[in-house]
């Protein structure tokens, strides 16, 4: 373990940055505006205006950088957690499967 209270292998970085999450399922593809609350080497936490997102759903996440010194991020990920946040929002935890 890395010697901190969170039982993860990688530190999480709080970013609270606007992003886009595209849901890629068999029926259709749709893009949602989201807020990336935090990110680590293997996953992210996203706040979306949806009541829920099904576990196992494949998504693409894009975060545009506002700095020329920090590159934009584009990743494919799998939904591993969805926690309701009020009536019309949820916090979606995703595991990064591929960086583009």
PDB file of N, CA and C in Angstrom:
ATOM      1  N   UNK A   1       0.843  -1.186   0.000  1.00  0.00           N
ATOM      2  CA  UNK A   1       0.000   0.000   0.000  1.00  0.00           C
ATOM      3  C   UNK A   1       0.882   1.241   0.000  1.00  0.00           C
ATOM      4  N   UNK A   2       0.330   2.319  -0.463  1.00  0.00           N
ATOM      5  CA  UNK A   2       1.114   3.536  -0.632  1.00  0.00           C
ATOM      6  C   UNK A   2       1.171   4.416   0.615  1.00  0.00           C
ATOM      7  N   UNK A   3       0.526   4.011   1.702  1.00  0.00           N
ATOM      8  CA  UNK A   3       0.655   4.759   2.942  1.00  0.00           C
ATOM      9  C   UNK A   3      -0.341   5.893   3.100  1.00  0.00           C
ATOM     10  N   UNK A   4      -1.553   5.737   2.572  1.00  0.00           N
ATOM     11  CA  UNK A   4      -2.594   6.732   2.788  1.00  0.00           C
ATOM     12  C   UNK A   4      -3.899   5.994   3.056  1.00  0.00           C
ATOM     13  N   UNK A   5      -4.899   6.705   3.543  1.00  0.00           N
ATOM     14  CA  UNK A   5      -6.127   6.077   4.016  1.00  0.00           C
ATOM     15  C   UNK A   5      -6.974   5.464   2.906  1.00  0.00           C
ATOM     16  N   UNK A   6      -7.033   6.066   1.739  1.00  0.00           N
ATOM     17  CA  UNK A   6      -7.833   5.543   0.649  1.00  0.00           C
ATOM     18  C   UNK A   6      -7.233   4.207   0.212  1.00  0.00           C
ATOM     19  N   UNK A   7      -8.026   3.175   0.121  1.00  0.00           N
ATOM     20  CA  UNK A   7      -7.522   1.833  -0.175  1.00  0.00           C
ATOM     21  C   UNK A   7      -7.382   1.599  -1.681  1.00  0.00           C
ATOM     22  N   UNK A   8      -6.768   2.516  -2.374  1.00  0.00           N
ATOM     23  CA  UNK A   8      -6.556   2.411  -3.806  1.00  0.00           C
ATOM     24  C   UNK A   8      -5.060   2.328  -4.079  1.00  0.00           C
ATOM     25  N   UNK A   9      -4.728   1.807  -5.250  1.00  0.00           N
ATOM     26  CA  UNK A   9      -3.324   1.690  -5.627  1.00  0.00           C
ATOM     27  C   UNK A   9      -2.761   2.977  -6.219  1.00  0.00           C
ATOM     28  N   UNK A  10      -3.638   3.895  -6.627  1.00  0.00           N
ATOM     29  CA  UNK A  10      -3.204   5.149  -7.239  1.00  0.00           C
ATOM     30  C   UNK A  10      -3.911   6.321  -6.577  1.00  0.00           C
ATOM     31  N   UNK A  11      -3.209   7.439  -6.456  1.00  0.00           N
ATOM     32  CA  UNK A  11      -3.811   8.644  -5.904  1.00  0.00           C
ATOM     33  C   UNK A  11      -4.890   9.162  -6.841  1.00  0.00           C
ATOM     34  N   UNK A  12      -5.940   9.735  -6.265  1.00  0.00           N
ATOM     35  CA  UNK A  12      -6.970  10.392  -7.047  1.00  0.00           C
ATOM     36  C   UNK A  12      -6.683  11.884  -7.058  1.00  0.00           C
ATOM     37  N   UNK A  13      -6.866  12.492  -8.212  1.00  0.00           N
ATOM     38  CA  UNK A  13      -6.660  13.922  -8.338  1.00  0.00           C
ATOM     39  C   UNK A  13      -8.026  14.574  -8.562  1.00  0.00           C
ATOM     40  N   UNK A  14      -8.403  15.476  -7.676  1.00  0.00           N
ATOM     41  CA  UNK A  14      -9.667  16.193  -7.804  1.00  0.00           C
ATOM     42  C   UNK A  14      -9.514  17.242  -8.892  1.00  0.00           C
ATOM     43  N   UNK A  15     -10.411  17.205  -9.908  1.00  0.00           N
ATOM     44  CA  UNK A  15     -10.271  18.190 -10.982  1.00  0.00           C
ATOM     45  C   UNK A  15     -11.535  19.002 -11.232  1.00  0.00           C
ATOM     46  N   UNK A  16     -12.725  18.456 -10.968  1.00  0.00           N
ATOM     47  CA  UNK A  16     -13.991  19.175 -11.171  1.00  0.00           C
ATOM     48  C   UNK A  16     -14.015  19.915 -12.503  1.00  0.00           C
ATOM     49  N   UNK A  17     -13.802  19.176 -13.571  1.00  0.00           N
ATOM     50  CA  UNK A  17     -13.694  19.748 -14.904  1.00  0.00           C
ATOM     51  C   UNK A  17     -14.849  19.303 -15.794  1.00  0.00           C
ATOM     52  N   UNK A  18     -15.399  20.218 -16.611  1.00  0.00           N
ATOM     53  CA  UNK A  18     -16.439  19.804 -17.561  1.00  0.00           C
ATOM     54  C   UNK A  18     -15.871  18.784 -18.553  1.00  0.00           C
ATOM     55  N   UNK A  19     -16.703  17.834 -18.945  1.00  0.00           N
ATOM     56  CA  UNK A  19     -16.274  16.826 -19.907  1.00  0.00           C
ATOM     57  C   UNK A  19     -17.497  16.300 -20.650  1.00  0.00           C
ATOM     58  N   UNK A  20     -17.240  15.454 -21.637  1.00  0.00           N
ATOM     59  CA  UNK A  20     -18.311  14.781 -22.360  1.00  0.00           C
ATOM     60  C   UNK A  20     -18.168  13.289 -22.146  1.00  0.00           C
ATOM     61  N   UNK A  21     -19.297  12.622 -21.892  1.00  0.00           N
ATOM     62  CA  UNK A  21     -19.313  11.173 -21.772  1.00  0.00           C
ATOM     63  C   UNK A  21     -20.249  10.642 -22.843  1.00  0.00           C
ATOM     64  N   UNK A  22     -19.714   9.828 -23.738  1.00  0.00           N
ATOM     65  CA  UNK A  22     -20.517   9.219 -24.787  1.00  0.00           C
ATOM     66  C   UNK A  22     -20.808   7.784 -24.389  1.00  0.00           C
ATOM     67  N   UNK A  23     -22.092   7.458 -24.323  1.00  0.00           N
ATOM     68  CA  UNK A  23     -22.515   6.102 -23.987  1.00  0.00           C
ATOM     69  C   UNK A  23     -22.576   5.300 -25.271  1.00  0.00           C
ATOM     70  N   UNK A  24     -21.827   4.216 -25.309  1.00  0.00           N
ATOM     71  CA  UNK A  24     -21.769   3.353 -26.485  1.00  0.00           C
ATOM     72  C   UNK A  24     -22.446   2.036 -26.151  1.00  0.00           C
ATOM     73  N   UNK A  25     -23.715   1.892 -26.541  1.00  0.00           N
ATOM     74  CA  UNK A  25     -24.387   0.614 -26.312  1.00  0.00           C
ATOM     75  C   UNK A  25     -24.933   0.078 -27.628  1.00  0.00           C
ATOM     76  N   UNK A  26     -25.537  -1.094 -27.581  1.00  0.00           N
ATOM     77  CA  UNK A  26     -26.015  -1.751 -28.793  1.00  0.00           C
ATOM     78  C   UNK A  26     -27.150  -1.001 -29.477  1.00  0.00           C
ATOM     79  N   UNK A  27     -27.951  -0.279 -28.704  1.00  0.00           N
ATOM     80  CA  UNK A  27     -29.123   0.385 -29.247  1.00  0.00           C
ATOM     81  C   UNK A  27     -28.796   1.723 -29.896  1.00  0.00           C
ATOM     82  N   UNK A  28     -27.920   2.487 -29.283  1.00  0.00           N
ATOM     83  CA  UNK A  28     -27.610   3.816 -29.811  1.00  0.00           C
ATOM     84  C   UNK A  28     -26.353   4.357 -29.144  1.00  0.00           C
ATOM     85  N   UNK A  29     -25.970   5.514 -29.598  1.00  0.00           N
ATOM     86  CA  UNK A  29     -24.846   6.218 -28.998  1.00  0.00           C
ATOM     87  C   UNK A  29     -25.336   7.621 -28.670  1.00  0.00           C
ATOM     88  N   UNK A  30     -25.097   8.063 -27.463  1.00  0.00           N
ATOM     89  CA  UNK A  30     -25.508   9.427 -27.091  1.00  0.00           C
ATOM     90  C   UNK A  30     -24.441  10.060 -26.222  1.00  0.00           C
ATOM     91  N   UNK A  31     -24.340  11.374 -26.334  1.00  0.00           N
ATOM     92  CA  UNK A  31     -23.319  12.115 -25.603  1.00  0.00           C
ATOM     93  C   UNK A  31     -23.972  12.962 -24.525  1.00  0.00           C
ATOM     94  N   UNK A  32     -23.408  12.869 -23.314  1.00  0.00           N
ATOM     95  CA  UNK A  32     -23.896  13.627 -22.168  1.00  0.00           C
ATOM     96  C   UNK A  32     -22.831  14.605 -21.708  1.00  0.00           C
ATOM     97  N   UNK A  33     -23.260  15.770 -21.283  1.00  0.00           N
ATOM     98  CA  UNK A  33     -22.350  16.702 -20.628  1.00  0.00           C
ATOM     99  C   UNK A  33     -22.184  16.228 -19.186  1.00  0.00           C
ATOM    100  N   UNK A  34     -20.979  16.269 -18.683  1.00  0.00           N
ATOM    101  CA  UNK A  34     -20.705  15.767 -17.336  1.00  0.00           C
ATOM    102  C   UNK A  34     -19.659  16.638 -16.662  1.00  0.00           C
ATOM    103  N   UNK A  35     -19.454  16.379 -15.388  1.00  0.00           N
ATOM    104  CA  UNK A  35     -18.372  16.993 -14.623  1.00  0.00           C
ATOM    105  C   UNK A  35     -17.486  15.859 -14.136  1.00  0.00           C
ATOM    106  N   UNK A  36     -16.214  15.894 -14.501  1.00  0.00           N
ATOM    107  CA  UNK A  36     -15.259  14.903 -13.999  1.00  0.00           C
ATOM    108  C   UNK A  36     -14.824  15.386 -12.621  1.00  0.00           C
ATOM    109  N   UNK A  37     -15.275  14.688 -11.590  1.00  0.00           N
ATOM    110  CA  UNK A  37     -14.964  15.083 -10.215  1.00  0.00           C
ATOM    111  C   UNK A  37     -13.536  14.741  -9.842  1.00  0.00           C
ATOM    112  N   UNK A  38     -13.100  13.524 -10.197  1.00  0.00           N
ATOM    113  CA  UNK A  38     -11.724  13.135  -9.897  1.00  0.00           C
ATOM    114  C   UNK A  38     -11.259  12.093 -10.897  1.00  0.00           C
ATOM    115  N   UNK A  39      -9.943  11.939 -10.955  1.00  0.00           N
ATOM    116  CA  UNK A  39      -9.334  11.007 -11.896  1.00  0.00           C
ATOM    117  C   UNK A  39      -8.109  10.382 -11.249  1.00  0.00           C
ATOM    118  N   UNK A  40      -7.858   9.118 -11.602  1.00  0.00           N
ATOM    119  CA  UNK A  40      -6.636   8.443 -11.165  1.00  0.00           C
ATOM    120  C   UNK A  40      -6.042   7.750 -12.385  1.00  0.00           C
ATOM    121  N   UNK A  41      -5.013   6.976 -12.191  1.00  0.00           N
ATOM    122  CA  UNK A  41      -4.370   6.286 -13.306  1.00  0.00           C
ATOM    123  C   UNK A  41      -5.279   5.239 -13.935  1.00  0.00           C
ATOM    124  N   UNK A  42      -6.273   4.752 -13.201  1.00  0.00           N
ATOM    125  CA  UNK A  42      -7.108   3.669 -13.720  1.00  0.00           C
ATOM    126  C   UNK A  42      -8.593   3.979 -13.805  1.00  0.00           C
ATOM    127  N   UNK A  43      -9.035   5.147 -13.348  1.00  0.00           N
ATOM    128  CA  UNK A  43     -10.462   5.442 -13.391  1.00  0.00           C
ATOM    129  C   UNK A  43     -10.797   6.890 -13.133  1.00  0.00           C
ATOM    130  N   UNK A  44     -12.103   7.183 -13.194  1.00  0.00           N
ATOM    131  CA  UNK A  44     -12.601   8.537 -12.955  1.00  0.00           C
ATOM    132  C   UNK A  44     -13.988   8.480 -12.323  1.00  0.00           C
ATOM    133  N   UNK A  45     -14.374   9.580 -11.734  1.00  0.00           N
ATOM    134  CA  UNK A  45     -15.695   9.754 -11.169  1.00  0.00           C
ATOM    135  C   UNK A  45     -16.351  10.908 -11.918  1.00  0.00           C
ATOM    136  N   UNK A  46     -17.531  10.639 -12.509  1.00  0.00           N
ATOM    137  CA  UNK A  46     -18.215  11.625 -13.342  1.00  0.00           C
ATOM    138  C   UNK A  46     -19.612  11.902 -12.805  1.00  0.00           C
ATOM    139  N   UNK A  47     -19.998  13.166 -12.748  1.00  0.00           N
ATOM    140  CA  UNK A  47     -21.356  13.532 -12.368  1.00  0.00           C
ATOM    141  C   UNK A  47     -22.135  13.812 -13.643  1.00  0.00           C
ATOM    142  N   UNK A  48     -23.248  13.096 -13.843  1.00  0.00           N
ATOM    143  CA  UNK A  48     -24.061  13.263 -15.048  1.00  0.00           C
ATOM    144  C   UNK A  48     -25.515  13.516 -14.673  1.00  0.00           C
ATOM    145  N   UNK A  49     -26.232  14.214 -15.556  1.00  0.00           N
ATOM    146  CA  UNK A  49     -27.649  14.505 -15.345  1.00  0.00           C
ATOM    147  C   UNK A  49     -28.493  13.365 -15.909  1.00  0.00           C
ATOM    148  N   UNK A  50     -28.360  12.195 -15.305  1.00  0.00           N
ATOM    149  CA  UNK A  50     -29.124  10.995 -15.652  1.00  0.00           C
ATOM    150  C   UNK A  50     -29.509  10.349 -14.328  1.00  0.00           C
ATOM    151  N   UNK A  51     -30.645   9.659 -14.302  1.00  0.00           N
ATOM    152  CA  UNK A  51     -31.032   9.001 -13.053  1.00  0.00           C
ATOM    153  C   UNK A  51     -30.174   7.773 -12.775  1.00  0.00           C
ATOM    154  N   UNK A  52     -29.674   7.115 -13.837  1.00  0.00           N
ATOM    155  CA  UNK A  52     -28.731   6.009 -13.642  1.00  0.00           C
ATOM    156  C   UNK A  52     -28.091   5.636 -14.973  1.00  0.00           C
ATOM    157  N   UNK A  53     -26.947   4.978 -14.882  1.00  0.00           N
ATOM    158  CA  UNK A  53     -26.250   4.423 -16.036  1.00  0.00           C
ATOM    159  C   UNK A  53     -25.946   2.977 -15.674  1.00  0.00           C
ATOM    160  N   UNK A  54     -26.295   2.060 -16.558  1.00  0.00           N
ATOM    161  CA  UNK A  54     -26.166   0.630 -16.263  1.00  0.00           C
ATOM    162  C   UNK A  54     -24.711   0.205 -16.093  1.00  0.00           C
ATOM    163  N   UNK A  55     -24.459  -0.618 -15.085  1.00  0.00           N
ATOM    164  CA  UNK A  55     -23.117  -1.150 -14.847  1.00  0.00           C
ATOM    165  C   UNK A  55     -22.671  -1.966 -16.057  1.00  0.00           C
ATOM    166  N   UNK A  56     -21.400  -1.868 -16.396  1.00  0.00           N
ATOM    167  CA  UNK A  56     -20.849  -2.588 -17.533  1.00  0.00           C
ATOM    168  C   UNK A  56     -20.950  -1.845 -18.850  1.00  0.00           C
ATOM    169  N   UNK A  57     -21.667  -0.720 -18.879  1.00  0.00           N
ATOM    170  CA  UNK A  57     -21.820   0.063 -20.102  1.00  0.00           C
ATOM    171  C   UNK A  57     -20.464   0.606 -20.540  1.00  0.00           C
ATOM    172  N   UNK A  58     -20.174   0.495 -21.827  1.00  0.00           N
ATOM    173  CA  UNK A  58     -18.943   1.047 -22.398  1.00  0.00           C
ATOM    174  C   UNK A  58     -19.178   2.528 -22.710  1.00  0.00           C
ATOM    175  N   UNK A  59     -18.252   3.387 -22.298  1.00  0.00           N
ATOM    176  CA  UNK A  59     -18.362   4.823 -22.532  1.00  0.00           C
ATOM    177  C   UNK A  59     -17.041   5.364 -23.063  1.00  0.00           C
ATOM    178  N   UNK A  60     -17.124   6.523 -23.691  1.00  0.00           N
ATOM    179  CA  UNK A  60     -15.939   7.287 -24.070  1.00  0.00           C
ATOM    180  C   UNK A  60     -16.012   8.599 -23.307  1.00  0.00           C
ATOM    181  N   UNK A  61     -14.882   9.046 -22.782  1.00  0.00           N
ATOM    182  CA  UNK A  61     -14.834  10.289 -22.013  1.00  0.00           C
ATOM    183  C   UNK A  61     -13.801  11.208 -22.640  1.00  0.00           C
ATOM    184  N   UNK A  62     -14.195  12.475 -22.847  1.00  0.00           N
ATOM    185  CA  UNK A  62     -13.287  13.483 -23.396  1.00  0.00           C
ATOM    186  C   UNK A  62     -13.250  14.682 -22.463  1.00  0.00           C
ATOM    187  N   UNK A  63     -12.041  15.079 -22.100  1.00  0.00           N
ATOM    188  CA  UNK A  63     -11.846  16.270 -21.274  1.00  0.00           C
ATOM    189  C   UNK A  63     -10.921  17.197 -22.050  1.00  0.00           C
ATOM    190  N   UNK A  64     -11.433  18.352 -22.421  1.00  0.00           N
ATOM    191  CA  UNK A  64     -10.636  19.334 -23.163  1.00  0.00           C
ATOM    192  C   UNK A  64      -9.789  20.139 -22.189  1.00  0.00           C
ATOM    193  N   UNK A  65      -8.544  20.321 -22.533  1.00  0.00           N
ATOM    194  CA  UNK A  65      -7.639  21.099 -21.696  1.00  0.00           C
ATOM    195  C   UNK A  65      -7.782  22.583 -22.004  1.00  0.00           C
ATOM    196  N   UNK A  66      -7.651  23.390 -20.980  1.00  0.00           N
ATOM    197  CA  UNK A  66      -7.678  24.844 -21.162  1.00  0.00           C
ATOM    198  C   UNK A  66      -6.275  25.426 -21.145  1.00  0.00           C
ATOM    199  N   UNK A  67      -5.272  24.542 -21.042  1.00  0.00           N
ATOM    200  CA  UNK A  67      -3.880  24.973 -20.979  1.00  0.00           C
ATOM    201  C   UNK A  67      -3.086  24.345 -22.123  1.00  0.00           C
ATOM    202  N   UNK A  68      -2.207  25.109 -22.721  1.00  0.00           N
ATOM    203  CA  UNK A  68      -1.359  24.570 -23.782  1.00  0.00           C
ATOM    204  C   UNK A  68      -0.306  23.613 -23.219  1.00  0.00           C
ATOM    205  N   UNK A  69      -0.084  23.649 -21.916  1.00  0.00           N
ATOM    206  CA  UNK A  69       0.915  22.790 -21.290  1.00  0.00           C
ATOM    207  C   UNK A  69       0.352  21.442 -20.837  1.00  0.00           C
ATOM    208  N   UNK A  70      -0.975  21.317 -20.821  1.00  0.00           N
ATOM    209  CA  UNK A  70      -1.618  20.077 -20.390  1.00  0.00           C
ATOM    210  C   UNK A  70      -2.451  19.549 -21.558  1.00  0.00           C
ATOM    211  N   UNK A  71      -2.165  18.326 -22.018  1.00  0.00           N
ATOM    212  CA  UNK A  71      -2.917  17.801 -23.158  1.00  0.00           C
ATOM    213  C   UNK A  71      -4.357  17.438 -22.785  1.00  0.00           C
ATOM    214  N   UNK A  72      -5.241  17.454 -23.779  1.00  0.00           N
ATOM    215  CA  UNK A  72      -6.613  16.992 -23.573  1.00  0.00           C
ATOM    216  C   UNK A  72      -6.584  15.491 -23.324  1.00  0.00           C
ATOM    217  N   UNK A  73      -7.651  14.982 -22.715  1.00  0.00           N
ATOM    218  CA  UNK A  73      -7.722  13.562 -22.401  1.00  0.00           C
ATOM    219  C   UNK A  73      -8.882  12.944 -23.158  1.00  0.00           C
ATOM    220  N   UNK A  74      -8.650  11.784 -23.725  1.00  0.00           N
ATOM    221  CA  UNK A  74      -9.689  11.012 -24.387  1.00  0.00           C
ATOM    222  C   UNK A  74      -9.477   9.555 -24.007  1.00  0.00           C
ATOM    223  N   UNK A  75     -10.525   8.926 -23.470  1.00  0.00           N
ATOM    224  CA  UNK A  75     -10.382   7.551 -22.985  1.00  0.00           C
ATOM    225  C   UNK A  75     -11.652   6.756 -23.223  1.00  0.00           C
ATOM    226  N   UNK A  76     -11.478   5.450 -23.337  1.00  0.00           N
ATOM    227  CA  UNK A  76     -12.594   4.513 -23.316  1.00  0.00           C
ATOM    228  C   UNK A  76     -12.628   3.932 -21.917  1.00  0.00           C
ATOM    229  N   UNK A  77     -13.840   3.656 -21.435  1.00  0.00           N
ATOM    230  CA  UNK A  77     -13.973   3.183 -20.060  1.00  0.00           C
ATOM    231  C   UNK A  77     -15.219   2.320 -19.905  1.00  0.00           C
ATOM    232  N   UNK A  78     -15.294   1.640 -18.769  1.00  0.00           N
ATOM    233  CA  UNK A  78     -16.435   0.790 -18.439  1.00  0.00           C
ATOM    234  C   UNK A  78     -17.030   1.276 -17.127  1.00  0.00           C
ATOM    235  N   UNK A  79     -18.358   1.395 -17.072  1.00  0.00           N
ATOM    236  CA  UNK A  79     -19.041   1.833 -15.855  1.00  0.00           C
ATOM    237  C   UNK A  79     -18.967   0.711 -14.816  1.00  0.00           C
ATOM    238  N   UNK A  80     -18.414   1.047 -13.646  1.00  0.00           N
ATOM    239  CA  UNK A  80     -18.291   0.071 -12.562  1.00  0.00           C
ATOM    240  C   UNK A  80     -19.107   0.460 -11.325  1.00  0.00           C
ATOM    241  N   UNK A  81     -19.636   1.680 -11.323  1.00  0.00           N
ATOM    242  CA  UNK A  81     -20.424   2.152 -10.179  1.00  0.00           C
ATOM    243  C   UNK A  81     -21.348   3.268 -10.640  1.00  0.00           C
ATOM    244  N   UNK A  82     -22.553   3.321 -10.082  1.00  0.00           N
ATOM    245  CA  UNK A  82     -23.478   4.422 -10.353  1.00  0.00           C
ATOM    246  C   UNK A  82     -24.259   4.697  -9.077  1.00  0.00           C
ATOM    247  N   UNK A  83     -24.051   5.868  -8.500  1.00  0.00           N
ATOM    248  CA  UNK A  83     -24.677   6.241  -7.230  1.00  0.00           C
ATOM    249  C   UNK A  83     -25.610   7.422  -7.478  1.00  0.00           C
ATOM    250  N   UNK A  84     -26.922   7.271  -7.193  1.00  0.00           N
ATOM    251  CA  UNK A  84     -27.849   8.389  -7.380  1.00  0.00           C
ATOM    252  C   UNK A  84     -27.429   9.615  -6.575  1.00  0.00           C
ATOM    253  N   UNK A  85     -27.616  10.765  -7.191  1.00  0.00           N
ATOM    254  CA  UNK A  85     -27.272  12.042  -6.562  1.00  0.00           C
ATOM    255  C   UNK A  85     -28.479  12.959  -6.772  1.00  0.00           C
ATOM    256  N   UNK A  86     -29.487  12.833  -5.906  1.00  0.00           N
ATOM    257  CA  UNK A  86     -30.727  13.565  -6.100  1.00  0.00           C
ATOM    258  C   UNK A  86     -31.635  12.797  -7.060  1.00  0.00           C
ATOM    259  N   UNK A  87     -32.672  13.483  -7.560  1.00  0.00           N
ATOM    260  CA  UNK A  87     -33.665  12.826  -8.416  1.00  0.00           C
ATOM    261  C   UNK A  87     -33.219  12.656  -9.866  1.00  0.00           C
ATOM    262  N   UNK A  88     -32.376  13.546 -10.356  1.00  0.00           N
ATOM    263  CA  UNK A  88     -32.075  13.526 -11.788  1.00  0.00           C
ATOM    264  C   UNK A  88     -30.583  13.552 -12.101  1.00  0.00           C
ATOM    265  N   UNK A  89     -29.758  13.043 -11.196  1.00  0.00           N
ATOM    266  CA  UNK A  89     -28.312  13.006 -11.434  1.00  0.00           C
ATOM    267  C   UNK A  89     -27.719  11.783 -10.742  1.00  0.00           C
ATOM    268  N   UNK A  90     -26.539  11.411 -11.189  1.00  0.00           N
ATOM    269  CA  UNK A  90     -25.824  10.318 -10.528  1.00  0.00           C
ATOM    270  C   UNK A  90     -24.323  10.531 -10.674  1.00  0.00           C
ATOM    271  N   UNK A  91     -23.589   9.893  -9.798  1.00  0.00           N
ATOM    272  CA  UNK A  91     -22.131   9.879  -9.863  1.00  0.00           C
ATOM    273  C   UNK A  91     -21.757   8.524 -10.461  1.00  0.00           C
ATOM    274  N   UNK A  92     -21.082   8.569 -11.598  1.00  0.00           N
ATOM    275  CA  UNK A  92     -20.711   7.360 -12.322  1.00  0.00           C
ATOM    276  C   UNK A  92     -19.218   7.127 -12.127  1.00  0.00           C
ATOM    277  N   UNK A  93     -18.861   5.949 -11.635  1.00  0.00           N
ATOM    278  CA  UNK A  93     -17.470   5.552 -11.510  1.00  0.00           C
ATOM    279  C   UNK A  93     -17.107   4.705 -12.715  1.00  0.00           C
ATOM    280  N   UNK A  94     -16.029   5.057 -13.418  1.00  0.00           N
ATOM    281  CA  UNK A  94     -15.620   4.297 -14.590  1.00  0.00           C
ATOM    282  C   UNK A  94     -14.187   3.809 -14.426  1.00  0.00           C
ATOM    283  N   UNK A  95     -13.935   2.637 -15.005  1.00  0.00           N
ATOM    284  CA  UNK A  95     -12.602   2.069 -15.067  1.00  0.00           C
ATOM    285  C   UNK A  95     -12.067   2.312 -16.468  1.00  0.00           C
ATOM    286  N   UNK A  96     -10.923   2.974 -16.573  1.00  0.00           N
ATOM    287  CA  UNK A  96     -10.329   3.277 -17.877  1.00  0.00           C
ATOM    288  C   UNK A  96      -9.817   1.983 -18.493  1.00  0.00           C
ATOM    289  N   UNK A  97     -10.261   1.708 -19.724  1.00  0.00           N
ATOM    290  CA  UNK A  97      -9.799   0.505 -20.430  1.00  0.00           C
ATOM    291  C   UNK A  97      -8.814   0.828 -21.546  1.00  0.00           C
ATOM    292  N   UNK A  98      -8.853   2.073 -22.042  1.00  0.00           N
ATOM    293  CA  UNK A  98      -7.957   2.461 -23.126  1.00  0.00           C
ATOM    294  C   UNK A  98      -7.830   3.983 -23.186  1.00  0.00           C
ATOM    295  N   UNK A  99      -6.605   4.465 -23.284  1.00  0.00           N
ATOM    296  CA  UNK A  99      -6.376   5.889 -23.509  1.00  0.00           C
ATOM    297  C   UNK A  99      -6.196   6.073 -25.011  1.00  0.00           C
ATOM    298  N   UNK A 100      -6.849   7.086 -25.557  1.00  0.00           N
ATOM    299  CA  UNK A 100      -6.762   7.314 -27.003  1.00  0.00           C
ATOM    300  C   UNK A 100      -5.707   8.363 -27.302  1.00  0.00           C
TER     301      UNK A 100
END
